[in-house]
């Protein structure tokens, strides 16, 4: 049995189809108040299974009579790795819940290659259904304002947020009001290479991206699969007008920066009402996950909070 795909320190895929994952440090479930917030794990769909981690400010500054916005967050990892329990995600989202005075639902969707796209989209969309049905029975959601729900995520999670917005528009059955999207270093691709991808010295990044796409898109598909190439979205002009407000965060040292910039330009051309592009200079891809207490991460949280409060 040989290894056919590998992300060192995170993932090995073997010739018999088996998968071995190596998780970094994690934070186990707890309901204690820590650093100004409480958190607990919830079951979104036990049959899949799909779980989530719910964050709530311990003492909301607006007072208990005020409703709080809800941020539904999808972790990154090329659709193949990542978890709500990872230390970096846990600290980033707990701190963000306090800084933004928002309820955060971080979703653990099923991973590829065992569960290839579009399963991640379906799993994450079910979290919106769960949210709408649990708001009356889950005590931690008593303060949730479902007219102010924001979708966010980094890397593959940013990709997921984009596709959930499209799915909500097409289905017209979403019971929550998606007010806006906050995409952090979104993960997109296409068969056509960008200038950055063809640059000297980027062969390793290209190979890694191709590996993750090969593991996550349906077998027999290529990188022009709709989940990979945002240009393949089938929405009418009137539907694009319904697309939520968007802020796209890119990082100056990120190999995927060019894709994020192009995505923002694409939305503007489609007539999306509000599209903001914010760059963090001198930082790499998903720096907030690896350095959740850094000054750059604090600035990112502040910029995200400003976007929430704008709408």
Protein backbone atom coordinates (compact mmCIF):
# COMPACT_ATOMS: atom_id res chain seq x y z
CA UNK A 1 0.00 0.00 0.00
CA UNK A 2 1.56 3.29 -1.11
CA UNK A 3 0.90 6.96 -0.43
CA UNK A 4 -0.69 8.60 -3.50
CA UNK A 5 -1.26 12.08 -2.03
CA UNK A 6 0.20 13.85 0.99
CA UNK A 7 0.10 17.15 2.82
CA UNK A 8 2.99 16.65 5.26
CA UNK A 9 1.88 16.90 8.85
CA UNK A 10 -1.79 16.96 7.95
CA UNK A 11 -2.91 14.28 5.48
CA UNK A 12 -1.93 11.04 3.77
CA UNK A 13 -4.05 9.29 1.14
CA UNK A 14 -3.19 5.67 0.33
CA UNK A 15 -3.57 3.58 -2.81
CA UNK A 16 -6.39 1.52 -1.25
CA UNK A 17 -8.43 4.70 -0.74
CA UNK A 18 -7.83 4.95 3.01
CA UNK A 19 -7.01 8.32 4.55
CA UNK A 20 -4.91 9.23 7.58
CA UNK A 21 -5.12 12.71 9.10
CA UNK A 22 -2.77 14.32 11.61
CA UNK A 23 -4.53 17.04 13.56
CA UNK A 24 -2.60 19.84 15.24
CA UNK A 25 -3.38 20.84 18.82
CA UNK A 26 -7.13 20.95 19.50
CA UNK A 27 -9.42 22.49 22.12
CA UNK A 28 -11.93 20.03 23.63
CA UNK A 29 -15.56 20.96 24.21
CA UNK A 30 -16.44 23.04 27.28
CA UNK A 31 -19.23 25.31 28.47
CA UNK A 32 -17.05 27.36 30.82
CA UNK A 33 -16.58 31.07 30.22
CA UNK A 34 -13.05 31.76 28.96
CA UNK A 35 -11.56 35.05 27.74
CA UNK A 36 -14.93 36.75 27.63
CA UNK A 37 -16.85 34.06 25.76
CA UNK A 38 -18.56 30.71 26.24
CA UNK A 39 -18.45 27.84 23.76
CA UNK A 40 -19.97 24.44 23.31
CA UNK A 41 -20.28 21.80 20.61
CA UNK A 42 -23.64 21.10 18.96
CA UNK A 43 -24.97 18.36 16.68
CA UNK A 44 -26.29 19.73 13.40
CA UNK A 45 -27.09 16.40 11.76
CA UNK A 46 -26.24 13.17 13.58
CA UNK A 47 -26.85 11.01 10.51
CA UNK A 48 -24.01 12.48 8.45
CA UNK A 49 -22.51 13.45 10.96
CA UNK A 50 -22.28 17.26 10.93
CA UNK A 51 -21.35 19.11 14.09
CA UNK A 52 -20.57 22.68 15.03
CA UNK A 53 -19.01 24.81 17.75
CA UNK A 54 -21.11 27.66 19.09
CA UNK A 55 -19.46 30.78 20.56
CA UNK A 56 -21.33 33.33 22.65
CA UNK A 57 -20.01 36.48 24.37
CA UNK A 58 -20.20 35.93 28.14
CA UNK A 59 -21.53 39.40 28.90
CA UNK A 60 -22.74 41.15 25.74
CA UNK A 61 -21.96 44.87 25.94
CA UNK A 62 -25.25 45.74 24.26
CA UNK A 63 -27.21 44.19 27.12
CA UNK A 64 -29.36 41.12 27.13
CA UNK A 65 -32.30 42.97 25.59
CA UNK A 66 -30.39 43.42 22.32
CA UNK A 67 -30.23 40.85 19.58
CA UNK A 68 -26.82 39.81 18.30
CA UNK A 69 -25.74 39.20 14.70
CA UNK A 70 -24.86 35.63 13.79
CA UNK A 71 -21.69 34.66 11.91
CA UNK A 72 -21.67 31.16 10.40
CA UNK A 73 -18.04 30.22 9.81
CA UNK A 74 -16.57 27.48 7.60
CA UNK A 75 -12.98 26.39 8.18
CA UNK A 76 -10.44 25.98 5.41
CA UNK A 77 -8.14 23.11 4.50
CA UNK A 78 -8.65 22.42 0.80
CA UNK A 79 -11.93 20.61 1.66
CA UNK A 80 -9.74 17.77 2.99
CA UNK A 81 -8.47 18.85 6.41
CA UNK A 82 -9.43 21.26 9.19
CA UNK A 83 -11.81 21.29 12.14
CA UNK A 84 -13.69 23.63 14.44
CA UNK A 85 -11.64 22.13 17.28
CA UNK A 86 -8.24 23.19 15.93
CA UNK A 87 -6.55 25.55 18.35
CA UNK A 88 -6.10 28.34 15.80
CA UNK A 89 -9.74 28.36 14.68
CA UNK A 90 -11.00 28.09 18.24
CA UNK A 91 -9.02 31.09 19.52
CA UNK A 92 -9.67 33.21 16.42
CA UNK A 93 -13.43 32.69 16.51
CA UNK A 94 -13.78 32.94 20.28
CA UNK A 95 -11.92 36.25 20.28
CA UNK A 96 -13.90 37.46 17.28
CA UNK A 97 -17.18 36.65 19.03
CA UNK A 98 -16.16 38.97 21.86
CA UNK A 99 -14.67 41.70 19.66
CA UNK A 100 -17.70 41.84 17.35
CA UNK A 101 -20.34 41.02 19.98
CA UNK A 102 -21.74 38.32 17.75
CA UNK A 103 -22.82 34.71 18.00
CA UNK A 104 -20.51 32.49 15.96
CA UNK A 105 -21.44 29.04 14.65
CA UNK A 106 -18.34 27.22 13.38
CA UNK A 107 -19.28 24.23 11.22
CA UNK A 108 -17.55 20.84 10.90
CA UNK A 109 -18.58 19.53 7.48
CA UNK A 110 -17.60 16.17 6.03
CA UNK A 111 -14.19 16.11 4.37
CA UNK A 112 -12.85 14.91 1.02
CA UNK A 113 -11.64 12.64 -0.48
CA UNK A 114 -14.09 10.38 1.35
CA UNK A 115 -16.82 12.98 0.78
CA UNK A 116 -16.17 14.89 -2.41
CA UNK A 117 -17.88 18.11 -3.48
CA UNK A 118 -20.69 19.08 -3.49
CA UNK A 119 -21.12 17.30 -0.12
CA UNK A 120 -19.36 20.09 1.80
CA UNK A 121 -21.81 22.62 0.29
CA UNK A 122 -24.79 20.47 1.22
CA UNK A 123 -23.52 19.90 4.76
CA UNK A 124 -22.88 23.58 5.35
CA UNK A 125 -26.22 24.62 3.88
CA UNK A 126 -27.88 22.30 6.39
CA UNK A 127 -26.29 24.37 9.15
CA UNK A 128 -28.48 27.30 8.06
CA UNK A 129 -31.57 25.11 8.35
CA UNK A 130 -30.39 23.96 11.77
CA UNK A 131 -29.89 27.56 12.85
CA UNK A 132 -33.39 28.60 11.82
CA UNK A 133 -35.01 25.65 13.59
CA UNK A 134 -32.92 25.78 16.76
CA UNK A 135 -33.26 29.50 17.42
CA UNK A 136 -36.39 28.86 19.53
CA UNK A 137 -35.09 25.84 21.45
CA UNK A 138 -31.36 26.44 21.94
CA UNK A 139 -30.88 28.83 24.90
CA UNK A 140 -27.62 30.14 23.49
CA UNK A 141 -29.51 31.38 20.41
CA UNK A 142 -32.17 33.35 22.30
CA UNK A 143 -30.30 36.54 21.42
CA UNK A 144 -29.70 35.59 17.77
CA UNK A 145 -30.93 38.04 15.14
CA UNK A 146 -31.70 35.88 12.10
CA UNK A 147 -32.23 39.00 10.01
CA UNK A 148 -28.49 39.65 10.41
CA UNK A 149 -26.74 36.42 9.48
CA UNK A 150 -23.30 36.64 7.90
CA UNK A 151 -21.40 33.81 6.20
CA UNK A 152 -17.65 33.69 6.61
CA UNK A 153 -14.75 31.33 6.14
CA UNK A 154 -11.14 31.10 5.11
CA UNK A 155 -9.63 29.40 2.07
CA UNK A 156 -11.97 26.51 1.18
CA UNK A 157 -14.38 27.92 3.78
CA UNK A 158 -14.53 31.18 1.83
CA UNK A 159 -15.34 29.15 -1.26
CA UNK A 160 -18.14 27.44 0.69
CA UNK A 161 -19.60 30.77 1.85
CA UNK A 162 -19.76 31.95 -1.78
CA UNK A 163 -21.56 28.81 -2.94
CA UNK A 164 -24.02 28.88 -0.05
CA UNK A 165 -25.02 32.41 -1.01
CA UNK A 166 -25.70 31.18 -4.55
CA UNK A 167 -27.61 28.15 -3.25
CA UNK A 168 -29.79 30.34 -1.03
CA UNK A 169 -30.67 32.59 -3.98
CA UNK A 170 -31.47 29.67 -6.27
CA UNK A 171 -33.46 27.65 -3.72
CA UNK A 172 -35.39 30.59 -2.27
CA UNK A 173 -36.01 28.38 0.78
CA UNK A 174 -33.40 29.74 3.17
CA UNK A 175 -35.06 30.69 6.46
CA UNK A 176 -32.32 33.11 7.50
CA UNK A 177 -31.44 36.45 5.99
CA UNK A 178 -27.89 36.35 4.66
CA UNK A 179 -26.81 39.93 5.18
CA UNK A 180 -23.25 39.64 3.93
CA UNK A 181 -20.20 37.50 3.20
CA UNK A 182 -16.77 37.84 4.76
CA UNK A 183 -14.33 35.76 2.70
CA UNK A 184 -10.80 35.34 4.03
CA UNK A 185 -8.20 34.30 1.42
CA UNK A 186 -10.82 32.39 -0.63
CA UNK A 187 -9.81 29.21 -2.42
CA UNK A 188 -10.79 29.11 -6.10
CA UNK A 189 -9.18 27.75 -9.24
CA UNK A 190 -9.56 26.96 -12.93
CA UNK A 191 -7.92 24.99 -15.69
CA UNK A 192 -6.40 28.24 -16.93
CA UNK A 193 -3.40 29.23 -14.86
CA UNK A 194 -3.04 32.73 -13.46
CA UNK A 195 0.11 34.76 -13.96
CA UNK A 196 1.12 34.07 -10.38
CA UNK A 197 0.66 30.33 -10.85
CA UNK A 198 2.95 30.39 -13.88
CA UNK A 199 5.63 32.42 -12.11
CA UNK A 200 9.05 30.97 -11.47
CA UNK A 201 9.33 29.30 -8.10
CA UNK A 202 5.61 28.55 -7.65
CA UNK A 203 5.67 24.93 -8.83
CA UNK A 204 5.33 23.62 -5.29
CA UNK A 205 2.26 25.73 -4.53
CA UNK A 206 0.67 24.79 -7.85
CA UNK A 207 1.25 21.09 -7.20
CA UNK A 208 -0.23 21.34 -3.71
CA UNK A 209 -3.31 23.18 -4.97
CA UNK A 210 -3.79 20.69 -7.80
CA UNK A 211 -3.55 17.84 -5.29
CA UNK A 212 -6.25 19.27 -3.05
CA UNK A 213 -8.53 20.02 -5.99
CA UNK A 214 -7.95 16.51 -7.34
CA UNK A 215 -8.97 15.04 -3.99
CA UNK A 216 -12.03 17.23 -3.48
CA UNK A 217 -13.84 17.68 -6.82
CA UNK A 218 -15.95 14.80 -8.23
CA UNK A 219 -13.95 12.09 -9.95
CA UNK A 220 -13.77 12.77 -13.68
CA UNK A 221 -14.07 16.55 -13.18
CA UNK A 222 -11.37 19.14 -13.76
CA UNK A 223 -10.66 22.54 -12.25
CA UNK A 224 -13.43 24.12 -14.31
CA UNK A 225 -15.92 22.30 -12.08
CA UNK A 226 -18.39 24.91 -10.80
CA UNK A 227 -17.17 24.48 -7.23
CA UNK A 228 -13.65 25.38 -8.24
CA UNK A 229 -14.15 27.98 -10.98
CA UNK A 230 -16.48 30.78 -9.79
CA UNK A 231 -16.91 31.90 -13.40
CA UNK A 232 -19.11 28.82 -13.97
CA UNK A 233 -21.89 30.07 -11.68
CA UNK A 234 -25.26 30.05 -13.43
CA UNK A 235 -27.16 33.05 -12.10
CA UNK A 236 -29.28 35.54 -14.02
CA UNK A 237 -28.61 39.27 -13.86
CA UNK A 238 -31.54 39.72 -11.46
CA UNK A 239 -30.20 36.92 -9.23
CA UNK A 240 -26.74 38.47 -9.10
CA UNK A 241 -28.45 41.66 -7.92
CA UNK A 242 -29.75 39.65 -4.93
CA UNK A 243 -26.23 38.51 -4.00
CA UNK A 244 -25.27 39.63 -0.47
CA UNK A 245 -22.76 42.37 0.28
CA UNK A 246 -19.21 41.02 0.24
CA UNK A 247 -15.84 41.82 1.74
CA UNK A 248 -12.89 39.84 0.39
CA UNK A 249 -9.74 39.71 2.50
CA UNK A 250 -6.47 38.89 0.76
CA UNK A 251 -2.92 38.60 2.13
CA UNK A 252 0.08 40.17 0.47
CA UNK A 253 2.27 37.05 0.61
CA UNK A 254 -0.52 34.61 -0.23
CA UNK A 255 -0.12 32.47 -3.33
CA UNK A 256 -3.91 32.70 -3.74
CA UNK A 257 -4.07 36.51 -3.54
CA UNK A 258 -4.54 36.85 -7.31
CA UNK A 259 -7.57 34.55 -7.21
CA UNK A 260 -9.14 36.63 -4.44
CA UNK A 261 -8.62 39.89 -6.32
CA UNK A 262 -10.06 38.39 -9.51
CA UNK A 263 -13.07 37.07 -7.57
CA UNK A 264 -13.84 40.57 -6.24
CA UNK A 265 -13.57 41.99 -9.77
CA UNK A 266 -15.88 39.24 -11.04
CA UNK A 267 -18.58 40.12 -8.50
CA UNK A 268 -18.37 43.81 -9.37
CA UNK A 269 -18.84 43.04 -13.06
CA UNK A 270 -21.88 40.92 -12.18
CA UNK A 271 -23.47 43.92 -10.51
CA UNK A 272 -23.19 42.86 -6.86
CA UNK A 273 -24.18 45.93 -4.85
CA UNK A 274 -21.26 46.07 -2.41
CA UNK A 275 -17.88 44.43 -2.94
CA UNK A 276 -14.95 45.45 -0.77
CA UNK A 277 -11.38 44.23 -1.15
CA UNK A 278 -9.06 44.48 1.86
CA UNK A 279 -5.40 43.48 1.77
CA UNK A 280 -3.18 42.60 4.73
CA UNK A 281 0.35 43.36 3.62
CA UNK A 282 3.28 41.14 4.51
CA UNK A 283 1.21 38.16 5.68
CA UNK A 284 0.79 34.63 4.24
CA UNK A 285 -2.26 32.48 3.57
CA UNK A 286 -4.58 32.00 6.59
CA UNK A 287 -2.12 33.70 8.95
CA UNK A 288 -4.99 34.18 11.44
CA UNK A 289 -5.23 30.40 11.96
CA UNK A 290 -1.52 29.93 12.64
CA UNK A 291 -1.17 33.18 14.63
CA UNK A 292 -4.60 33.85 16.18
CA UNK A 293 -3.20 36.30 18.77
CA UNK A 294 -1.04 38.38 16.41
CA UNK A 295 -1.51 42.09 15.69
CA UNK A 296 -2.37 41.28 12.07
CA UNK A 297 -5.11 38.96 13.28
CA UNK A 298 -6.45 41.62 15.66
CA UNK A 299 -6.62 44.03 12.74
CA UNK A 300 -8.44 41.44 10.62
CA UNK A 301 -10.99 40.93 13.40
CA UNK A 302 -11.46 44.69 13.66
CA UNK A 303 -12.02 44.99 9.90
CA UNK A 304 -14.53 42.12 10.00
CA UNK A 305 -16.36 43.79 12.90
CA UNK A 306 -16.55 47.07 10.97
CA UNK A 307 -18.15 45.23 8.05
CA UNK A 308 -20.74 43.60 10.35
CA UNK A 309 -21.63 46.94 11.93
CA UNK A 310 -21.99 48.60 8.52
CA UNK A 311 -25.06 46.51 7.80
